[in-house]
């Protein structure tokens, strides 16, 4: 995550981008919040599921791909996590991360 923060805030002109009209409601803290949530998702959900996926693997049966059980729960939980992110005051204010199923 340190490398991503370095790239966004020290190497790339992200601050200049946030000053443009299209992103004027965004602040660095908003970007950092999204990064923190992405890191939490990766550490708490994706990493354990991927470890199981490496051991168990997917199967192809009767024309369908069968994924390890841990992938199903991650898919369901990540959807709920996105719903929580949509409810965050800054995200709602900025109108960011909207999907057709997201609360408005």
Protein backbone atom coordinates (compact mmCIF):
# COMPACT_ATOMS: atom_id res chain seq x y z
CA UNK A 1 0.00 0.00 0.00
CA UNK A 2 2.92 2.32 0.66
CA UNK A 3 3.94 2.00 -3.01
CA UNK A 4 0.43 2.86 -4.20
CA UNK A 5 0.27 5.91 -1.92
CA UNK A 6 3.70 7.00 -3.17
CA UNK A 7 2.61 6.69 -6.78
CA UNK A 8 -0.68 8.49 -6.25
CA UNK A 9 0.46 11.33 -4.00
CA UNK A 10 4.15 11.84 -4.71
CA UNK A 11 4.81 10.67 -8.25
CA UNK A 12 1.52 11.22 -10.13
CA UNK A 13 -0.24 14.60 -10.19
CA UNK A 14 -3.23 13.30 -8.19
CA UNK A 15 -3.58 16.54 -6.22
CA UNK A 16 -3.88 18.43 -9.52
CA UNK A 17 -6.50 15.97 -10.71
CA UNK A 18 -8.52 16.48 -7.52
CA UNK A 19 -8.60 20.22 -8.25
CA UNK A 20 -10.39 19.69 -11.57
CA UNK A 21 -14.11 20.27 -11.67
CA UNK A 22 -14.98 16.61 -12.24
CA UNK A 23 -13.24 15.65 -8.98
CA UNK A 24 -13.67 18.88 -7.03
CA UNK A 25 -15.70 17.20 -4.28
CA UNK A 26 -12.94 14.67 -3.68
CA UNK A 27 -10.12 15.26 -1.24
CA UNK A 28 -6.98 13.26 -0.57
CA UNK A 29 -8.68 11.84 2.55
CA UNK A 30 -11.44 10.41 0.34
CA UNK A 31 -8.93 8.62 -1.88
CA UNK A 32 -7.10 7.34 1.20
CA UNK A 33 -10.38 6.00 2.64
CA UNK A 34 -11.02 3.98 -0.53
CA UNK A 35 -7.44 2.66 -0.47
CA UNK A 36 -7.80 1.63 3.19
CA UNK A 37 -11.03 -0.22 2.47
CA UNK A 38 -9.46 -1.98 -0.52
CA UNK A 39 -6.53 -3.09 1.63
CA UNK A 40 -8.85 -4.39 4.33
CA UNK A 41 -10.85 -6.33 1.73
CA UNK A 42 -7.68 -7.84 0.27
CA UNK A 43 -6.23 -8.85 3.63
CA UNK A 44 -9.36 -10.11 5.35
CA UNK A 45 -11.26 -11.73 2.49
CA UNK A 46 -9.36 -12.14 -0.76
CA UNK A 47 -6.09 -13.49 0.65
CA UNK A 48 -7.67 -16.38 2.62
CA UNK A 49 -9.95 -17.29 -0.29
CA UNK A 50 -7.08 -17.22 -2.77
CA UNK A 51 -5.01 -19.46 -0.51
CA UNK A 52 -7.80 -22.04 -0.51
CA UNK A 53 -8.23 -21.56 -4.24
CA UNK A 54 -4.54 -22.34 -4.76
CA UNK A 55 -4.88 -25.56 -2.78
CA UNK A 56 -8.30 -26.76 -3.95
CA UNK A 57 -8.60 -25.13 -7.35
CA UNK A 58 -11.64 -24.74 -9.57
CA UNK A 59 -13.32 -27.67 -11.30
CA UNK A 60 -15.14 -27.91 -14.58
CA UNK A 61 -18.15 -30.21 -14.31
CA UNK A 62 -21.06 -30.62 -16.70
CA UNK A 63 -20.23 -27.41 -18.52
CA UNK A 64 -19.99 -25.35 -15.30
CA UNK A 65 -17.03 -23.97 -13.38
CA UNK A 66 -17.20 -24.92 -9.70
CA UNK A 67 -15.23 -22.57 -7.46
CA UNK A 68 -14.02 -23.35 -3.92
CA UNK A 69 -16.60 -22.61 -1.21
CA UNK A 70 -14.54 -19.71 0.18
CA UNK A 71 -15.01 -17.81 -3.08
CA UNK A 72 -18.80 -17.79 -2.63
CA UNK A 73 -18.65 -16.14 0.79
CA UNK A 74 -16.10 -13.57 -0.41
CA UNK A 75 -18.35 -12.66 -3.32
CA UNK A 76 -21.32 -12.19 -0.96
CA UNK A 77 -19.32 -10.27 1.66
CA UNK A 78 -17.64 -8.00 -0.88
CA UNK A 79 -21.08 -6.96 -2.12
CA UNK A 80 -22.06 -6.02 1.42
CA UNK A 81 -18.75 -4.18 1.79
CA UNK A 82 -19.50 -2.15 -1.31
CA UNK A 83 -22.92 -1.34 0.13
CA UNK A 84 -21.21 -0.04 3.29
CA UNK A 85 -18.84 2.00 1.17
CA UNK A 86 -21.78 3.49 -0.72
CA UNK A 87 -23.28 4.54 2.61
CA UNK A 88 -20.13 6.37 3.73
CA UNK A 89 -20.94 10.11 3.92
CA UNK A 90 -18.04 11.18 1.70
CA UNK A 91 -18.82 8.62 -0.98
CA UNK A 92 -22.50 9.52 -0.98
CA UNK A 93 -21.65 13.22 -1.13
CA UNK A 94 -19.24 12.73 -4.01
CA UNK A 95 -21.49 10.35 -5.92
CA UNK A 96 -18.56 7.99 -6.37
CA UNK A 97 -18.60 4.24 -6.76
CA UNK A 98 -22.21 4.08 -7.85
CA UNK A 99 -23.45 0.95 -9.44
CA UNK A 100 -26.97 0.24 -10.69
CA UNK A 101 -27.75 -1.65 -7.46
CA UNK A 102 -26.15 0.86 -5.08
CA UNK A 103 -28.33 2.85 -2.69
CA UNK A 104 -28.62 6.51 -3.66
